[in-house]
Amino acid sequence: MLESIKRKERHHKIIFPSQHFFESWELHTIDGVTCIKWNVDEITDVVTIESILYIKEWLKLLQQSHDCVLLVAYNNENLEDFYLLENLERFSYIIKTSGL
């Protein structure tokens, strides 16, 4: 998703599958503004946010997720795709070079 924003793709979709719920967000990014649309219990809601702020908040959430899984003793050896949460600084270039 962060790479999609970097490539200035206007439409992306994020899916959050889990054992307890299934959620999907549709994101539309135009002129530095991201609109997030989702549907919960047949009620559609939309949030509009500056793209840079959205990216910063998403990175904070990913960092918190990383810290939490470390606290409960997960790592590269016992959590599939853990590496995706490591070195989140690699995404800072998106903010610096995005032109958003």
Protein backbone atom coordinates (compact mmCIF):
# COMPACT_ATOMS: atom_id res chain seq x y z
CA MET A 1 0.00 0.00 0.00
CA LEU A 2 2.80 2.43 0.85
CA GLU A 3 4.51 1.55 -2.41
CA SER A 4 1.24 2.18 -4.27
CA ILE A 5 1.06 5.67 -2.80
CA LYS A 6 4.70 6.26 -3.74
CA ARG A 7 3.96 5.25 -7.33
CA LYS A 8 1.06 7.73 -7.20
CA GLU A 9 -1.47 5.04 -8.01
CA ARG A 10 -4.86 6.60 -7.49
CA HIS A 11 -6.70 3.49 -6.29
CA HIS A 12 -5.65 0.76 -3.87
CA LYS A 13 -7.42 -1.77 -1.74
CA ILE A 14 -6.38 -3.13 1.66
CA ILE A 15 -7.90 -6.32 3.03
CA PHE A 16 -7.76 -7.25 6.71
CA PRO A 17 -8.71 -10.92 7.02
CA SER A 18 -8.71 -12.50 10.46
CA GLN A 19 -10.45 -15.20 12.42
CA HIS A 20 -12.76 -12.62 14.00
CA PHE A 21 -13.61 -10.19 11.22
CA PHE A 22 -13.04 -9.38 7.58
CA GLU A 23 -12.58 -5.80 6.51
CA SER A 24 -11.52 -4.10 3.32
CA TRP A 25 -10.70 -0.48 2.65
CA GLU A 26 -10.77 1.24 -0.70
CA LEU A 27 -8.28 4.09 -0.93
CA HIS A 28 -8.31 6.86 -3.49
CA THR A 29 -5.38 9.26 -3.56
CA ILE A 30 -5.64 12.46 -5.58
CA ASP A 31 -3.60 15.66 -5.27
CA GLY A 32 -2.04 14.72 -1.93
CA VAL A 33 -5.32 13.70 -0.29
CA THR A 34 -6.30 10.12 0.52
CA CYS A 35 -9.95 9.12 0.87
CA ILE A 36 -10.55 5.85 2.74
CA LYS A 37 -13.88 4.12 2.24
CA TRP A 38 -15.09 1.06 4.12
CA ASN A 39 -18.33 -0.74 4.78
CA VAL A 40 -19.22 -2.05 8.24
CA ASP A 41 -22.56 -3.75 8.86
CA GLU A 42 -23.84 -2.33 5.57
CA ILE A 43 -23.00 1.23 6.61
CA THR A 44 -20.49 2.92 4.35
CA ASP A 45 -18.17 5.49 5.84
CA VAL A 46 -15.48 7.70 4.31
CA VAL A 47 -12.51 9.46 5.89
CA THR A 48 -10.45 12.05 4.04
CA ILE A 49 -6.90 12.75 5.20
CA GLU A 50 -3.75 14.35 3.81
CA SER A 51 -1.70 11.56 2.25
CA ILE A 52 1.51 12.45 4.12
CA LEU A 53 -0.30 12.34 7.46
CA TYR A 54 -1.90 9.02 6.51
CA ILE A 55 1.50 7.52 5.66
CA LYS A 56 3.05 8.80 8.91
CA GLU A 57 0.20 7.36 11.00
CA TRP A 58 0.34 4.04 9.17
CA LEU A 59 4.09 3.80 9.83
CA LYS A 60 3.49 4.53 13.53
CA LEU A 61 0.95 1.70 13.66
CA LEU A 62 3.37 -0.69 11.97
CA GLN A 63 6.12 0.26 14.44
CA GLN A 64 3.75 -0.34 17.38
CA SER A 65 2.84 -3.73 15.90
CA HIS A 66 6.53 -4.58 15.59
CA ASP A 67 7.18 -3.60 19.22
CA CYS A 68 4.20 -5.62 20.47
CA VAL A 69 5.15 -8.83 18.69
CA LEU A 70 8.68 -8.51 20.10
CA LEU A 71 7.25 -8.13 23.61
CA VAL A 72 5.45 -11.45 23.30
CA ALA A 73 8.62 -13.16 22.03
CA TYR A 74 7.94 -13.36 18.31
CA ASN A 75 10.81 -12.97 15.86
CA ASN A 76 11.98 -14.00 12.38
CA GLU A 77 12.20 -17.62 13.44
CA ASN A 78 8.69 -18.07 14.80
CA LEU A 79 6.53 -15.51 12.98
CA GLU A 80 6.00 -15.73 9.25
CA ASP A 81 6.74 -12.47 7.41
CA PHE A 82 8.12 -10.82 10.56
CA TYR A 83 10.80 -9.24 8.37
CA LEU A 84 8.14 -6.96 6.91
CA LEU A 85 7.90 -5.16 10.25
CA GLU A 86 11.64 -4.68 10.58
CA ASN A 87 13.51 -1.61 9.36
CA LEU A 88 10.42 0.53 8.81
CA GLU A 89 12.75 3.49 8.29
CA ARG A 90 13.09 2.18 4.74
CA PHE A 91 9.73 3.81 4.03
CA SER A 92 10.80 7.29 5.12
CA TYR A 93 11.85 7.98 1.53
CA ILE A 94 8.18 7.86 0.55
CA ILE A 95 7.51 10.96 2.62
CA LYS A 96 10.68 12.73 1.49
CA THR A 97 10.32 11.99 -2.22
CA SER A 98 6.58 11.59 -2.66
CA GLY A 99 5.81 15.05 -3.97
CA LEU A 100 2.46 14.75 -2.21
